[in-house]
Amino acid sequence: MVRVIHPPSAQLRAYHDAATPDEVTEGLGVPPDRTVLAGARSHIEELGPIPSNGWFLKITGFVATDDLGSHVRWLVDFVRARLPAIDELRSVGWEFSAGTFPYLDESGVPVEDTRFLKDVGLELNAGLKEQWPASEFNARTT
């Protein structure tokens, strides 16, 4: 049995080794839920310092339901409306990923939504980048 502590949500994430998260906020026109700076300590102690700057937008602040499909639909609409800005940020080295938390149950997510995200380099995955070694984390896109 899986115990779910957090309600389902989707998240858009951006990473850069040098540029600050403010650049993503300015480019997308939306403030993040949180940011991290390279060198900060991870909440998972054994991983050590965080290797890159991060910008995180959790969809729970915009969707008032625990339905994961609704969160992913909001993420799709958000990305579709800002795809030129995302591409511009990618052109200067930002790497974007998308994920669900705490798990990914695609049974409630329309296949056209997951296909769109995959087509624009944002295939959904569960969890956060810093929770796994780089060899196991496949969501960073260029």
Protein backbone atom coordinates (compact mmCIF):
# COMPACT_ATOMS: atom_id res chain seq x y z
CA MET A 1 0.00 0.00 0.00
CA VAL A 2 1.31 3.47 -0.93
CA ARG A 3 0.69 6.22 1.58
CA VAL A 4 0.16 9.56 -0.14
CA ILE A 5 1.04 12.47 2.12
CA HIS A 6 0.67 15.32 -0.37
CA PRO A 7 -2.25 15.86 -2.74
CA PRO A 8 -1.46 15.25 -6.41
CA SER A 9 0.00 18.14 -8.35
CA ALA A 10 2.05 18.92 -11.42
CA GLN A 11 5.12 21.12 -11.51
CA LEU A 12 7.20 23.00 -14.06
CA ARG A 13 10.91 23.19 -13.23
CA ALA A 14 13.82 25.08 -14.74
CA TYR A 15 17.55 24.61 -14.06
CA HIS A 16 20.65 26.59 -14.99
CA ASP A 17 24.23 26.29 -13.77
CA ALA A 18 24.88 30.05 -13.68
CA ALA A 19 21.85 32.27 -14.46
CA THR A 20 19.53 33.25 -11.60
CA PRO A 21 15.92 32.05 -11.27
CA ASP A 22 14.75 35.67 -11.65
CA GLU A 23 15.48 35.28 -15.36
CA VAL A 24 12.77 32.59 -15.62
CA THR A 25 10.31 34.65 -13.59
CA GLU A 26 10.85 37.59 -15.93
CA GLY A 27 10.68 35.45 -19.08
CA LEU A 28 7.51 33.57 -18.12
CA GLY A 29 5.82 36.43 -16.28
CA VAL A 30 4.91 34.27 -13.27
CA PRO A 31 6.67 34.06 -9.90
CA PRO A 32 7.71 30.56 -8.77
CA ASP A 33 6.64 28.75 -5.64
CA ARG A 34 10.29 28.41 -4.74
CA THR A 35 13.78 28.78 -6.06
CA VAL A 36 17.11 27.24 -5.13
CA LEU A 37 20.60 28.50 -5.76
CA ALA A 38 23.57 26.38 -6.68
CA GLY A 39 25.60 25.50 -3.62
CA ALA A 40 22.65 25.47 -1.22
CA ARG A 41 22.16 22.34 0.88
CA SER A 42 19.64 19.85 -0.44
CA HIS A 43 16.78 18.78 1.80
CA ILE A 44 18.21 15.27 1.26
CA GLU A 45 21.43 15.54 3.23
CA GLU A 46 23.40 12.76 1.53
CA LEU A 47 23.13 14.53 -1.85
CA GLY A 48 25.23 17.44 -0.64
CA PRO A 49 25.11 20.90 -2.26
CA ILE A 50 22.62 21.55 -5.05
CA PRO A 51 24.56 21.70 -8.34
CA SER A 52 22.46 24.25 -10.24
CA ASN A 53 20.02 27.10 -9.78
CA GLY A 54 16.38 26.05 -9.89
CA TRP A 55 12.97 27.63 -10.46
CA PHE A 56 9.84 25.65 -9.46
CA LEU A 57 6.17 26.36 -10.19
CA LYS A 58 3.80 23.98 -8.43
CA ILE A 59 0.33 23.89 -9.98
CA THR A 60 -1.54 23.47 -6.68
CA GLY A 61 -1.59 27.25 -6.31
CA PHE A 62 -3.70 27.52 -9.49
CA VAL A 63 -5.96 24.44 -9.50
CA ALA A 64 -8.36 23.78 -6.62
CA THR A 65 -8.80 20.04 -7.02
CA ASP A 66 -6.93 16.85 -6.16
CA ASP A 67 -7.54 15.53 -9.69
CA LEU A 68 -4.10 15.02 -11.26
CA GLY A 69 -5.55 15.30 -14.77
CA SER A 70 -6.73 18.85 -13.99
CA HIS A 71 -3.25 19.80 -12.78
CA VAL A 72 -1.62 18.40 -15.92
CA ARG A 73 -4.21 20.17 -18.13
CA TRP A 74 -3.35 23.49 -16.42
CA LEU A 75 0.36 22.78 -16.98
CA VAL A 76 -0.27 22.02 -20.68
CA ASP A 77 -2.21 25.28 -21.12
CA PHE A 78 0.50 27.22 -19.26
CA VAL A 79 3.30 25.74 -21.38
CA ARG A 80 1.39 26.16 -24.65
CA ALA A 81 0.83 29.87 -23.92
CA ARG A 82 4.48 30.41 -23.00
CA LEU A 83 6.28 28.06 -25.37
CA PRO A 84 8.11 30.90 -27.22
CA ALA A 85 9.39 32.21 -23.86
CA ILE A 86 10.42 28.71 -22.76
CA ASP A 87 12.28 28.23 -26.05
CA GLU A 88 13.99 31.61 -25.58
CA LEU A 89 15.12 30.61 -22.07
CA ARG A 90 16.34 27.26 -23.40
CA SER A 91 18.39 29.11 -26.00
CA VAL A 92 20.41 30.73 -23.19
CA GLY A 93 20.97 27.49 -21.32
CA TRP A 94 17.89 26.93 -19.15
CA GLU A 95 16.80 23.29 -18.96
CA PHE A 96 13.12 22.59 -18.30
CA SER A 97 11.37 19.55 -16.91
CA ALA A 98 7.84 18.74 -15.81
CA GLY A 99 6.72 16.36 -13.16
CA THR A 100 3.97 15.17 -10.94
CA PHE A 101 4.14 14.82 -7.21
CA PRO A 102 4.10 12.58 -5.32
CA TYR A 103 3.40 10.05 -8.08
CA LEU A 104 2.40 9.79 -11.70
CA ASP A 105 -0.84 7.97 -12.38
CA GLU A 106 -1.53 8.48 -16.06
CA SER A 107 -4.94 6.84 -15.82
CA GLY A 108 -6.49 10.24 -15.08
CA VAL A 109 -4.34 12.22 -17.52
CA PRO A 110 -5.51 12.54 -21.14
CA VAL A 111 -2.99 10.99 -23.53
CA GLU A 112 -3.00 14.13 -25.71
CA ASP A 113 -1.70 16.11 -22.71
CA THR A 114 1.20 13.78 -22.01
CA ARG A 115 1.94 13.60 -25.76
CA PHE A 116 2.02 17.41 -26.07
CA LEU A 117 4.39 17.76 -23.12
CA LYS A 118 6.65 15.04 -24.50
CA ASP A 119 6.65 16.67 -27.94
CA VAL A 120 7.89 19.96 -26.45
CA GLY A 121 10.56 18.21 -24.36
CA LEU A 122 8.67 18.08 -21.06
CA GLU A 123 7.86 14.42 -20.58
CA LEU A 124 6.22 13.97 -17.19
CA ASN A 125 8.03 12.16 -14.40
CA ALA A 126 7.48 11.78 -10.68
CA GLY A 127 9.54 13.52 -8.04
CA LEU A 128 12.27 16.14 -8.13
CA LYS A 129 15.67 16.23 -9.78
CA GLU A 130 17.66 16.36 -6.56
CA GLN A 131 16.00 13.24 -5.14
CA TRP A 132 17.93 10.85 -7.39
CA PRO A 133 21.48 10.57 -8.70
CA ALA A 134 21.93 12.13 -12.14
CA SER A 135 22.26 8.68 -13.73
CA GLU A 136 18.68 7.88 -12.66
CA PHE A 137 17.11 11.24 -13.45
CA ASN A 138 15.93 11.54 -17.05
CA ALA A 139 13.67 14.61 -17.04
CA ARG A 140 16.18 17.34 -17.84
CA THR A 141 15.69 18.44 -21.41
CA THR A 142 17.62 20.66 -23.75
